[in-house]
Amino acid sequence: MAGMLNITDSRTNAQHQISIRHNAILASDLKKTTGLRVHDPGLQNTTVVETGITVSHHDTGLLLFRGYKLQDLWDINSDFEDILHLLVWGVYPSSEQRKTLSRQLATAMLEVPDVVFQTIRALPKTTSPLPLLMAGLSASLSCRPEMIPASTNPHLYRDPKIADHAIIYTIATYAVAFGIIRCHRQGITFTSPSVDNSYLENLFIMAGLVDPSTGRPDPVRLSCYRHFGIFNSDHGMALSVFSALVTASSQTDPISCLITATGAAYGPLHFGATESAKRALLHIGTIDNVPSFIEGVKQGKQKLFGYGHRSYKGMDPRVQPMRKLVCDLKLDSASNPLLKIAERIEQVASEDEWFARRGLYPNADFYGHFVLSGCGFETDIIPAAMLAQRVVGIMAHWREYMLTGGKLFRPSHIYTGEEEGKLKLHLGQQVKMSEENENTPLLLPYSVFTPSQKRLLILTAALASSFSPFSANIYYPSLNSIARDLHVSSSQINLTITTYMICQGLAPAFMGSLADQAGRRPAYLLCFIIYIAGNIALALQHSYPALLILRAVQSCGSSGTVALASAVAADVITSAERGMYMGIASLGNILAPSLGPILGGPRRPKITFPNPLGTLRLLFHRPTGFVLLANGIIYASYYSVTAGLPAQFHELYNLQDLGIGLSFIPAGLGSLFSATVNGMLVDWNYHRVKMKMGLPVTRDQKQDHGDFPIEQTRLQIGLPMMVFLSFFATVSLTLVFLISLFITAAYNVLNVLIVDLYYTTPATAMAANNLVRCFLGAAATAVVHPLSSQWGIGWTYSANIMMLSTLLLPLVSALHGHLYMRYPDSRWITPGDTLPIAETKPIPILQTTLPCTSPYLLLTIDPDVQYGTTSTIVLHWLQSLRADCQTGFLYENPKSEETAVYIPPQPPKRSHHRYIFLLFQQPEDYNLPECYQHILPATKEARVGFNPKEFVEVLGLGGPLAGNWFYVENGGDARNEL
């Protein structure tokens, strides 16, 4: 139907006329005439080719193959070769032409190289057919480089003879790969094809779909599969064909196009719909569940696969033949419950106006699964079995596109993202789609909560965390009274604090692990159940042993909330804001020790619960262990003061319970002031260091610290606070304020650092922190009163000052150096990077943060070498170096003569190895022993079998001061081989 389309542009009132041809307009005419583009997501209403192969008249349901009605081709029992010859070469074949084509296909099957068999068999039997098909087809193409136009002739397939030969070989290759795959997955023997068999006979024989007694395919199954193939051979611009044409538009070979089509066909919205349909039927279970399932479909809660088709307004004309094939295969609902459910679905849907109004009827996929299952194909290989038929249409369209000089597919798009300068993406950050427009790329927010919601969440967590220290400290003013009531000594009553703090350290180790795995809510629920039970029991007890035990139970419930508060903060807050918000999160832990005694009189503390093994590992991690120990010492120092205050204030100032409680107010004020000011100071310093290093600071995205010196950044604030700790000596309210101020500051800084280091498992990390601090705090509370009685207050707290002097331990984690490196053609290397072998030459550029005052010895090894049948280590470089005092760049030490010259990385082809660079401090009397002189030449014999551990011990190098490592990948031949 031809004509003209008249368009009036309302923006300019311009009139345009565009020619209509075949009931369509050319997008190029529209652009040329009006300057407009066509936006058609999914190409739902767009034609992309003119073809003489197939057509579907959607209104009438008429299907034509090269002008032949599909029903006529069905009625004359057309075979695979008939349809192939008709669609590809445009002529229905004679008997002789059919036989010739069948022989050509079988001969091509025999020419498929053994590498296809070897490639598929090398993969696990449980592998999906999709990657197996792609691997098999790729293996076949690798043996036929002459088929690749980019390697031979860009216009290779404009020659019909070459194109025809490639088509035959591609179809044959697919059939062989399909047969090998099914045999491999089923664990049966592959049978080679025969030139005396038709294509489908060979397909069934190669796939093992034969009668064991005759070795021949079942004639009924073979006939049904052949008839199914008539309707499935082509369906216009279905996705498998269209995706192949997109690839073909670059003038590439048919096997590459078939690989593309294979990936498309396996999607659940194409041939994979048969598998999805079966899963849906299995999910329904019985016919009694069909009505509720249909209601779910109508409400958009369920997906009904195999229903409706974009090409047909009414019933899919292929459904009736499919039903006939179901009958021919003697499939009935009595023996097949899934078929019974499918028939019930069709019955219910056909009586429902909702489906009729929308033109939703069963399509060929709805019953196609039952036909192909009846032919002997397993569910997950059905898409591949369907593609073995659709390959006919794919090759027909490929040939037509090649010989007609089809254009390169290059659609445009409408950009909806940010304008220049409004958005910056940084390496390692994730990308999401905005909620307003799914086409707009944005940085993935670290949290979906607003700032107000974050504050409320963290304040709630802080409130929950206050129960642990509140329960511990509300007890202090009443220690003297409780000791009198229970007729025990002050040392004995202090043991209730010790048991409380031991459980306070153990319980978070269990609760932190639980929270990081099961979530925060279950952990909170468990904490408060135990805590409430402990409180009720404490209210009813009247003996010292019961008090001792129930204080531990109370601690087990409440103490887990301290670690959970830090975990909640880490869940919603980035590193850029963590200083301030961690201060808020710690308010409960900070204020409760002061408010508890004020409200106290004489009552009780805390709780916790299960599993510490993952937590304990952090104690032995070198930098983290020092930080945890320092934090524990701070905590123990604080509790050695607060646990001793009640007895000392009573003795020195004759204060009673209320007065002792009020004396804790300065401690609360100091903690509150510290939490507020110190958090802002920590955040300021974090921003300052980031800006100094030229790194971006974002408040709503996760920070990837990488080589960012997070330890130094946090400790720059913590260290000055710690230094002041050494100045408190007497018990006065002013010094109580100062002690609380600076101890809280140092404690919070180290808490922030711990969460920074373990932001993915903050509850576990804080549990380890609680374990150390509470154990040390328990020890401090247990000994402070006996020591005060034995030594006196002065000597006891002098020992406390000595203990605080060990707070320099966290600086050990800041003293380790970094080894930065890159090659001239590579970026700066982060440990664990993968580099192509081409980028790893010549000698790398090295830079370190270590002092320039002494020489260093660099050791480079490859630990992944297979030498003969032995795994061994190869030495690649031994070099004495010095560091430039201004830049930190390492250069060759001019005083050193004994070096093992650098050998570039050289993993074998198609493999990757690790290359480890270790930097040691070179001893002053360094001299390479005679027993190691043999490693200096750059030969295989000299460098293989190197023992780095033994080398380091013999030379007395100690531990490495810095290091780096990376993978090198070799996709081709190795160069510079030893």
Foldseek 3Di string as FASTA:
>chain_A
DKDWDWDQDPVVRDIFIFIADPNDTDQVRVCVTPVDGDDDVVCLPHDADDDQAWDAPFAVLFIDGNNDTLVVCLVVLPFLLQSLCCRQVVDRDDPVSSLVLQLLLLVLLVVQDCQLLVQLLVDALPDFVLVNLLRSLVSSVVVVVVQWCVVPPLLQLLDPVSLVNLLSNLLSSLLLSLLSSLCSNVVHDADRADSVDGSLFRSCLRNVQPDVVPSGHDVLLSSLLRSVLSVLQDDPPDPLQVQLVLVCQSVTGNSVSNSRSSVVQCDCQHVVVLLVQLVVLVVCPALVSLVVQVVCVLVVNDDHGQKDDSRHLAANVCVVVLVVLCVSLVHDCVVPVSVVNLVSNQVVLVPDVSCNVRRIHGYCSSSVSSSVVSSPDDSSCSSSSSVSSNSSVNSSVSSVCSNVSHHNDDDDDDDDEDDPPPDDDDPPFDWAADPVGRRYTDTDFLAPDDPVVLLVQLLVLLQLLLQFLLQLQLAQLALVVLCVQQVHDSLLSLLLSLLLLLLLQVFLLFLLVCCLPVHLVVSLVQLVVQLVVLVVQQVPDRHSVSSSVSSSSFAQRRSNSLLSSLLSNLSFWALLQSLLSLLSNCLSVQQSNLQSLQPRNHGGHGHGDDDRPVLVVQCPPQLSVLLLQLLLLLLLLLLLVSLPQNVVCCVPVVDHSNVSSNLSVLLNVLLNVLSRVLSVVLSVLVVVQCVVVVHDDDTGTHDDCQVPLLLCSLVVSLVVLLVVCLPDQDDDSVVSNSSSNSSSSNNSSSLSSQCVVVSSSSSSSVSSSSNSNSNSNSVSSSCSVVCCVVPNSRVSVVVSSVSSVSSCSSCVSVQFKAKWKAAPQGDIDGFAAEAALVRQDDDIKIFMPHAQPAKKWKWKKWQQDCDPNDRWMFTFWIFIWGADRPGRTIDGDPVDDQMQDGDTDWDAAQDKIKMKMFIFGQDPPDDDDPVLSQLRYPDPVNTIRDDVVVRCVVRVRPHTRYMGMYMYHHNDGTPPDD
